[in-house]
Amino acid sequence: MPSARKITVGVLALQGAFSEHVQLLRHAAIALKAHDSETQFEFLEIRTPEELRRCDALIIPGGESTTISLVAARSGMLEPLREFVKVIRKPTWGTCAGLILLAESANRTKKGGQELIGGLDVRVNRNHFGRQVESFQANIDLLFLKDSVAVSGSEASRPFRSVFIRAPVVEKILPHVEGIQAGEAEREETVVAPSKRPADELAKKEVKAEVEVLARLPGDATAIKDDEKTARAAGEGDIIAVRQGNVFGTSFHPELTGDSRIHVWWLEQVVNALDRRKQQASKVS
């Protein structure tokens, strides 16, 4: 019988909806138990570099991206986060503000207003839908959930009720070329992430992966601010979920829905990524 293994997943807890993520991760781990009884998960709230070093994977939650960035810089977390995501290339998921921080380029941002971690070769448009009162919900078909072993076929096909609060969208998928950040930095009101060199061959492979568009916004979203179900036609086709290797980002807030299906799928992706790392290590040794 194979021995049990323990995977530590952190949720960055500097600001935002981190406790909601932890709660859904616990639900997701229970769902996975029936399909993988040998893997044990530990979920931690992460506030220091020492806590981050314990993690095999990380979620950067929704909240205020500028605030998260400033607190990370002041607490000495910004560079360790960049090393985690861009140098070692550990599995990372960012929701809403987390997506902004994981982007290589973010517009509608004053110079010096915030710093980015990077990891996704995309340019995001911050607050694409406007102010807080323009928040809304949308039923989205997430086809990638069908890749999950633990999410049943009928559950994978059920639309995901997604919450958008001052949400960004992926405005452009950037070419993975040397110096792309410098070109993006020349754009007005645009900040970029610093370039980092991957630590090893597996990290290089993850970095060179193509950006996959996993979800777009349909045209029948519903405004949260209204009691009535008001149709929203604007924004159809906007990119709201992307993945590049083992870095994943969503514009919306799955943690605010009580629906753990994306968390189940993502934990499976984490397990797969760690298996790839283990196989690579065995080849080297």
Protein backbone atom coordinates (compact mmCIF):
# COMPACT_ATOMS: atom_id res chain seq x y z
CA MET A 1 0.00 0.00 0.00
CA PRO A 2 1.45 3.42 -0.94
CA SER A 3 2.33 5.69 1.95
CA ALA A 4 0.23 8.76 2.68
CA ARG A 5 1.57 12.10 1.55
CA LYS A 6 0.87 15.56 2.94
CA ILE A 7 0.38 18.65 0.78
CA THR A 8 0.43 22.08 2.39
CA VAL A 9 -1.67 24.74 0.67
CA GLY A 10 -1.43 28.33 1.81
CA VAL A 11 -3.85 31.22 1.40
CA LEU A 12 -2.22 34.64 1.47
CA ALA A 13 -3.84 36.36 4.47
CA LEU A 14 -2.64 39.95 4.23
CA GLN A 15 -6.06 41.33 3.24
CA GLY A 16 -9.20 40.15 1.49
CA ALA A 17 -11.35 37.02 1.44
CA PHE A 18 -8.74 34.55 2.66
CA SER A 19 -10.85 32.80 5.32
CA GLU A 20 -13.54 32.01 2.74
CA HIS A 21 -10.94 30.30 0.57
CA VAL A 22 -9.74 28.19 3.50
CA GLN A 23 -13.29 27.08 4.21
CA LEU A 24 -13.91 25.98 0.61
CA LEU A 25 -10.53 24.25 0.45
CA ARG A 26 -11.57 22.13 3.42
CA HIS A 27 -14.80 21.19 1.67
CA ALA A 28 -12.84 20.38 -1.49
CA ALA A 29 -10.41 18.13 0.40
CA ILE A 30 -13.35 16.12 1.75
CA ALA A 31 -14.69 15.68 -1.79
CA LEU A 32 -11.28 14.49 -3.00
CA LYS A 33 -10.89 11.99 -0.16
CA ALA A 34 -13.16 9.45 -1.87
CA HIS A 35 -10.92 9.47 -4.95
CA ASP A 36 -7.49 9.89 -3.33
CA SER A 37 -7.38 8.57 0.21
CA GLU A 38 -3.57 8.68 0.35
CA THR A 39 -3.22 12.46 0.04
CA GLN A 40 -3.68 14.60 3.12
CA PHE A 41 -4.04 18.37 2.85
CA GLU A 42 -3.07 21.04 5.35
CA PHE A 43 -4.41 24.56 4.81
CA LEU A 44 -2.64 27.58 6.27
CA GLU A 45 -3.19 31.33 6.40
CA ILE A 46 0.07 32.88 5.19
CA ARG A 47 1.44 36.17 6.50
CA THR A 48 5.23 35.69 6.70
CA PRO A 49 8.02 34.39 4.45
CA GLU A 50 8.61 31.56 6.91
CA GLU A 51 5.00 30.40 6.58
CA LEU A 52 5.20 30.72 2.78
CA ARG A 53 8.24 28.42 2.66
CA ARG A 54 6.12 25.65 4.20
CA CYS A 55 3.69 25.73 1.27
CA ASP A 56 3.51 23.46 -1.75
CA ALA A 57 0.85 25.68 -3.36
CA LEU A 58 -0.75 29.07 -2.76
CA ILE A 59 -3.97 31.01 -3.29
CA ILE A 60 -3.89 34.81 -3.54
CA PRO A 61 -7.44 35.91 -2.65
CA GLY A 62 -9.73 38.65 -3.80
CA GLY A 63 -9.61 41.97 -1.97
CA GLU A 64 -7.81 45.22 -2.76
CA SER A 65 -4.83 44.46 -4.99
CA THR A 66 -3.11 47.74 -4.09
CA THR A 67 -3.50 47.08 -0.38
CA ILE A 68 -2.26 43.48 -0.69
CA SER A 69 0.74 44.71 -2.67
CA LEU A 70 1.61 47.45 -0.17
CA VAL A 71 1.24 45.16 2.85
CA ALA A 72 3.31 42.48 1.11
CA ALA A 73 6.08 44.98 0.38
CA ARG A 74 6.11 46.38 3.93
CA SER A 75 6.10 42.93 5.53
CA GLY A 76 8.91 41.58 3.37
CA MET A 77 6.60 39.21 1.48
CA LEU A 78 6.77 40.61 -2.05
CA GLU A 79 10.09 39.10 -3.13
CA PRO A 80 9.38 35.71 -1.47
CA LEU A 81 6.06 35.65 -3.36
CA ARG A 82 7.84 36.35 -6.65
CA GLU A 83 10.33 33.59 -5.91
CA PHE A 84 7.47 31.20 -5.08
CA VAL A 85 5.54 31.95 -8.27
CA LYS A 86 8.14 32.94 -10.88
CA VAL A 87 11.42 31.34 -9.79
CA ILE A 88 10.41 28.03 -8.19
CA ARG A 89 7.08 28.09 -10.07
CA LYS A 90 4.94 26.45 -7.42
CA PRO A 91 1.20 26.04 -8.14
CA THR A 92 -0.59 29.34 -7.53
CA TRP A 93 -4.16 30.56 -8.02
CA GLY A 94 -5.23 34.20 -7.88
CA THR A 95 -8.86 35.36 -7.63
CA CYS A 96 -9.85 38.91 -8.65
CA ALA A 97 -7.17 41.00 -6.89
CA GLY A 98 -5.01 37.86 -6.97
CA LEU A 99 -5.32 37.74 -10.77
CA ILE A 100 -4.16 41.35 -10.98
CA LEU A 101 -1.12 40.60 -8.82
CA LEU A 102 -0.23 37.53 -10.90
CA ALA A 103 -0.37 39.41 -14.20
CA GLU A 104 2.82 40.55 -15.89
CA SER A 105 1.10 43.83 -16.81
CA ALA A 106 -1.81 45.80 -15.34
CA ASN A 107 -3.28 48.98 -16.77
CA ARG A 108 -5.47 51.70 -15.28
CA THR A 109 -2.82 51.85 -12.56
CA LYS A 110 -0.84 54.91 -11.51
CA LYS A 111 2.92 54.49 -11.55
CA GLY A 112 4.07 53.59 -8.06
CA GLY A 113 0.52 52.79 -7.00
CA GLN A 114 1.17 49.10 -6.60
CA GLU A 115 3.62 46.36 -7.49
CA LEU A 116 2.91 43.07 -9.23
CA ILE A 117 4.14 39.55 -8.53
CA GLY A 118 3.77 38.28 -12.10
CA GLY A 119 3.60 34.73 -13.40
CA LEU A 120 0.88 35.02 -16.05
CA ASP A 121 1.80 36.44 -19.45
CA VAL A 122 -1.27 38.65 -19.63
CA ARG A 123 -2.25 42.29 -19.36
CA VAL A 124 -5.22 42.85 -17.07
CA ASN A 125 -7.63 45.76 -17.08
CA ARG A 126 -8.20 46.67 -13.43
CA ASN A 127 -11.76 47.49 -12.33
CA HIS A 128 -12.91 46.74 -15.87
CA PHE A 129 -16.60 46.90 -14.95
CA GLY A 130 -16.45 50.09 -12.90
CA ARG A 131 -17.12 50.92 -9.30
CA GLN A 132 -18.32 48.73 -6.42
CA VAL A 133 -21.97 49.44 -7.30
CA GLU A 134 -21.39 47.92 -10.72
CA SER A 135 -20.73 44.50 -9.16
CA PHE A 136 -22.74 41.66 -10.67
CA GLN A 137 -23.14 37.91 -10.98
CA ALA A 138 -23.07 35.61 -13.99
CA ASN A 139 -23.84 31.98 -14.72
CA ILE A 140 -20.76 30.60 -16.46
CA ASP A 141 -20.16 27.25 -18.10
CA LEU A 142 -16.71 26.14 -16.93
CA LEU A 143 -15.72 23.38 -19.32
CA PHE A 144 -12.43 22.74 -17.50
CA LEU A 145 -14.36 21.30 -14.55
CA LYS A 146 -15.06 18.27 -16.73
CA ASP A 147 -11.36 17.37 -16.34
CA SER A 148 -11.93 16.78 -12.63
CA VAL A 149 -12.14 13.24 -11.34
CA ALA A 150 -13.92 14.26 -8.16
CA VAL A 151 -16.53 16.53 -9.77
CA SER A 152 -19.24 14.31 -11.31
CA GLY A 153 -20.37 14.77 -14.89
CA SER A 154 -23.68 16.39 -13.99
CA GLU A 155 -22.00 18.68 -11.45
CA ALA A 156 -19.27 19.65 -13.91
CA SER A 157 -21.91 20.66 -16.47
CA ARG A 158 -23.90 22.80 -14.03
CA PRO A 159 -23.22 26.53 -14.58
CA PHE A 160 -21.06 28.20 -11.96
CA ARG A 161 -22.66 31.24 -10.32
CA SER A 162 -19.78 33.71 -10.34
CA VAL A 163 -19.44 36.91 -8.34
CA PHE A 164 -17.69 39.92 -9.89
CA ILE A 165 -16.79 42.78 -7.52
CA ARG A 166 -14.74 45.60 -9.07
CA ALA A 167 -13.39 42.80 -11.20
CA PRO A 168 -10.52 42.84 -13.68
CA VAL A 169 -10.51 41.06 -17.02
CA VAL A 170 -7.65 39.75 -19.11
CA GLU A 171 -7.34 42.42 -21.78
CA LYS A 172 -4.52 40.81 -23.75
CA ILE A 173 -2.46 37.63 -23.79
CA LEU A 174 1.14 38.73 -24.05
CA PRO A 175 3.78 37.00 -26.17
CA HIS A 176 6.33 35.17 -24.08
CA VAL A 177 9.40 37.01 -25.30
CA GLU A 178 12.39 38.53 -23.55
CA GLY A 179 11.76 42.11 -22.50
CA ILE A 180 7.99 42.12 -22.90
CA GLN A 181 7.69 43.89 -19.54
CA ALA A 182 9.76 46.82 -20.82
CA GLY A 183 7.43 47.32 -23.76
CA GLU A 184 4.37 47.11 -21.52
CA ALA A 185 5.87 49.61 -19.09
CA GLU A 186 5.87 52.24 -21.83
CA ARG A 187 2.08 52.17 -21.90
CA GLU A 188 0.26 54.94 -20.04
CA GLU A 189 -0.97 54.06 -16.52
CA THR A 190 0.52 50.58 -16.73
CA VAL A 191 2.66 48.73 -14.20
CA VAL A 192 4.62 45.57 -14.88
CA ALA A 193 6.12 42.74 -12.86
CA PRO A 194 9.90 42.42 -12.67
CA SER A 195 11.52 39.76 -14.81
CA LYS A 196 12.73 36.67 -12.95
CA ARG A 197 14.76 33.65 -14.05
CA PRO A 198 13.17 30.21 -13.39
CA ALA A 199 15.12 28.05 -10.96
CA ASP A 200 15.33 24.83 -12.98
CA GLU A 201 14.23 23.01 -16.13
CA LEU A 202 10.77 22.13 -14.84
CA ALA A 203 10.16 25.73 -13.79
CA LYS A 204 11.31 26.88 -17.24
CA LYS A 205 8.86 24.49 -18.86
CA GLU A 206 6.01 25.83 -16.74
CA VAL A 207 6.96 29.42 -17.58
CA LYS A 208 7.13 28.70 -21.33
CA ALA A 209 3.68 27.11 -21.38
CA GLU A 210 1.07 28.85 -23.52
CA VAL A 211 -1.59 30.89 -21.75
CA GLU A 212 -4.89 28.99 -21.94
CA VAL A 213 -8.20 30.83 -21.91
CA LEU A 214 -10.41 28.73 -19.60
CA ALA A 215 -13.53 30.92 -19.43
CA ARG A 216 -15.14 33.98 -20.98
CA LEU A 217 -17.99 36.10 -19.70
CA PRO A 218 -21.40 35.46 -21.31
CA GLY A 219 -23.80 38.28 -22.04
CA ASP A 220 -26.55 37.40 -19.54
CA ALA A 221 -24.92 38.42 -16.25
CA THR A 222 -27.11 39.60 -13.39
CA ALA A 223 -26.45 42.73 -11.32
CA ILE A 224 -25.98 42.07 -7.59
CA LYS A 225 -27.24 45.56 -6.72
CA ASP A 226 -30.72 44.87 -8.12
CA ASP A 227 -33.28 42.59 -6.54
CA GLU A 228 -34.68 41.96 -10.00
CA LYS A 229 -32.77 39.80 -12.43
CA THR A 230 -31.57 42.51 -14.76
CA ALA A 231 -29.91 41.41 -17.98
CA ARG A 232 -26.43 42.71 -18.66
CA ALA A 233 -25.43 42.65 -22.33
CA ALA A 234 -22.08 44.43 -22.03
CA GLY A 235 -18.84 42.53 -21.67
CA GLU A 236 -19.68 39.42 -23.64
CA GLY A 237 -16.54 37.54 -24.53
CA ASP A 238 -14.27 39.09 -21.87
CA ILE A 239 -11.60 36.67 -20.67
CA ILE A 240 -12.20 35.86 -17.00
CA ALA A 241 -10.13 32.70 -16.34
CA VAL A 242 -6.67 31.77 -17.61
CA ARG A 243 -3.95 29.24 -16.88
CA GLN A 244 -0.28 29.18 -17.79
CA GLY A 245 1.36 25.96 -16.68
CA ASN A 246 0.59 25.67 -12.98
CA VAL A 247 -0.41 29.32 -12.45
CA PHE A 248 -4.16 29.96 -12.60
CA GLY A 249 -6.21 33.14 -12.39
CA THR A 250 -9.91 34.04 -12.23
CA SER A 251 -11.53 37.47 -12.44
CA PHE A 252 -14.37 36.42 -10.18
CA HIS A 253 -14.68 35.25 -6.56
CA PRO A 254 -15.38 31.50 -6.26
CA GLU A 255 -14.69 31.82 -2.53
CA LEU A 256 -17.83 33.94 -2.06
CA THR A 257 -20.24 31.40 -3.55
CA GLY A 258 -20.12 28.39 -1.22
CA ASP A 259 -19.48 26.29 -4.36
CA SER A 260 -16.26 24.29 -3.97
CA ARG A 261 -16.09 22.77 -7.47
CA ILE A 262 -13.26 25.02 -8.71
CA HIS A 263 -11.35 24.40 -5.48
CA VAL A 264 -11.73 20.63 -6.02
CA TRP A 265 -10.43 20.94 -9.58
CA TRP A 266 -7.55 23.17 -8.50
CA LEU A 267 -6.41 20.83 -5.73
CA GLU A 268 -6.28 18.07 -8.34
CA GLN A 269 -4.08 20.36 -10.48
CA VAL A 270 -1.82 20.91 -7.47
CA VAL A 271 -1.44 17.15 -6.97
CA ASN A 272 -0.58 16.73 -10.66
CA ALA A 273 1.98 19.54 -10.53
CA LEU A 274 3.69 18.05 -7.49
CA ASP A 275 3.77 14.66 -9.21
CA ARG A 276 5.55 16.29 -12.17
CA ARG A 277 8.04 17.85 -9.76
CA LYS A 278 8.66 14.50 -8.09
CA GLN A 279 9.20 12.77 -11.45
CA GLN A 280 11.63 15.48 -12.51
CA ALA A 281 13.57 15.12 -9.26
CA SER A 282 13.84 11.36 -9.70
CA LYS A 283 15.26 11.82 -13.22
CA VAL A 284 17.88 14.25 -11.97
CA SER A 285 18.92 11.99 -9.11
